[in-house]
Protein backbone atom coordinates (compact mmCIF):
# COMPACT_ATOMS: atom_id res chain seq x y z
CA MET A 1 -3.34 2.69 76.29
CA PRO A 2 -4.64 3.67 72.67
CA ALA A 3 -2.98 2.24 70.14
CA LEU A 4 0.01 3.62 68.85
CA PRO A 5 -0.56 5.09 64.61
CA HIS A 6 2.20 3.29 63.32
CA LEU A 7 0.25 0.26 64.63
CA GLU A 8 -2.69 0.36 63.62
CA LEU A 9 -1.56 0.97 60.07
CA VAL A 10 0.45 -2.30 60.04
CA ASP A 11 -3.13 -3.67 61.30
CA ARG A 12 -4.62 -2.11 57.90
CA LEU A 13 -2.04 -3.14 55.46
CA ARG A 14 -1.43 -6.62 57.53
CA ASP A 15 -3.58 -8.76 54.88
CA TRP A 16 -2.60 -6.46 51.98
CA ALA A 17 1.16 -6.98 52.59
CA THR A 18 0.60 -10.92 53.51
CA SER A 19 -0.80 -11.09 50.11
CA LEU A 20 1.75 -9.31 48.04
CA LEU A 21 4.65 -11.29 49.68
CA SER A 22 2.84 -14.18 48.99
CA ASP A 23 2.98 -13.36 45.02
CA MET A 24 6.05 -12.84 45.31
CA ILE A 25 6.97 -15.39 46.42
CA ARG A 26 5.26 -17.70 43.83
CA VAL A 27 7.25 -15.86 41.42
CA PRO A 28 10.38 -18.44 40.28
CA THR A 29 13.08 -15.52 40.39
CA VAL A 30 15.66 -18.62 40.51
CA ASN A 31 19.27 -16.94 40.17
CA PRO A 32 21.26 -17.72 38.66
CA PRO A 33 19.88 -17.56 36.05
CA GLY A 34 17.31 -15.01 36.78
CA ARG A 35 14.69 -16.17 35.53
CA ASP A 36 11.24 -14.16 35.40
CA TYR A 37 12.21 -10.95 36.52
CA GLY A 38 10.56 -8.82 34.36
CA ARG A 39 7.34 -10.44 36.13
CA PHE A 40 8.37 -9.87 39.61
CA ALA A 41 9.21 -6.26 38.29
CA GLU A 42 5.84 -6.37 37.01
CA LEU A 43 3.99 -7.40 40.23
CA VAL A 44 6.00 -4.95 42.66
CA GLU A 45 4.98 -2.00 40.23
CA LYS A 46 1.77 -3.24 39.62
CA ALA A 47 1.01 -3.72 43.32
CA LEU A 48 2.83 -0.84 44.77
CA SER A 49 0.86 1.48 42.19
CA GLU A 50 -2.48 0.27 42.89
CA HIS A 51 -2.00 2.00 46.08
CA GLY A 52 -0.74 5.29 44.67
CA ILE A 53 2.78 5.27 45.13
CA GLU A 54 4.85 6.20 41.51
CA VAL A 55 6.83 3.01 40.60
CA ARG A 56 9.06 3.15 37.82
CA VAL A 57 10.78 -0.07 36.14
CA TYR A 58 13.80 0.31 34.56
CA GLU A 59 15.54 -2.81 32.38
CA VAL A 60 19.64 -2.49 33.06
CA PRO A 61 21.60 -2.14 29.49
CA ARG A 62 22.42 -5.64 28.95
CA SER A 63 26.26 -3.54 28.00
CA VAL A 64 26.20 -2.87 31.86
CA VAL A 65 24.99 -6.63 33.02
CA GLU A 66 27.42 -8.14 30.24
CA ARG A 67 30.70 -5.65 32.15
CA TYR A 68 29.94 -6.40 36.09
CA TYR A 69 28.39 -9.70 35.42
CA PRO A 70 28.74 -11.76 32.11
CA GLU A 71 28.20 -14.78 33.24
CA HIS A 72 23.93 -13.50 33.53
CA ALA A 73 23.65 -11.38 30.57
CA ASP A 74 22.06 -13.61 28.86
CA ARG A 75 18.83 -12.83 30.50
CA PRO A 76 17.13 -8.96 31.27
CA ARG A 77 17.67 -7.50 34.38
CA TYR A 78 15.63 -4.33 36.24
CA ILE A 79 15.66 -1.79 38.76
CA VAL A 80 12.22 -1.49 40.61
CA VAL A 81 12.29 2.55 41.48
């Protein structure tokens, strides 16, 4: 029985995905307080961009963080899209 196309894709990307997940786990995004979020966002942006995926990183405005999570407003927050 021939391999299914999606399983072939998983096999092709296994090493890359394992390496990326290992790198992501190494970034100490301890929450709270939420340190190294910027470093984590940059890592994800770079890894996905290298594979041709359009990625944008947005910093959440401090006023929004202060409004909804005032106890965590002392560090920047990011959204990776």
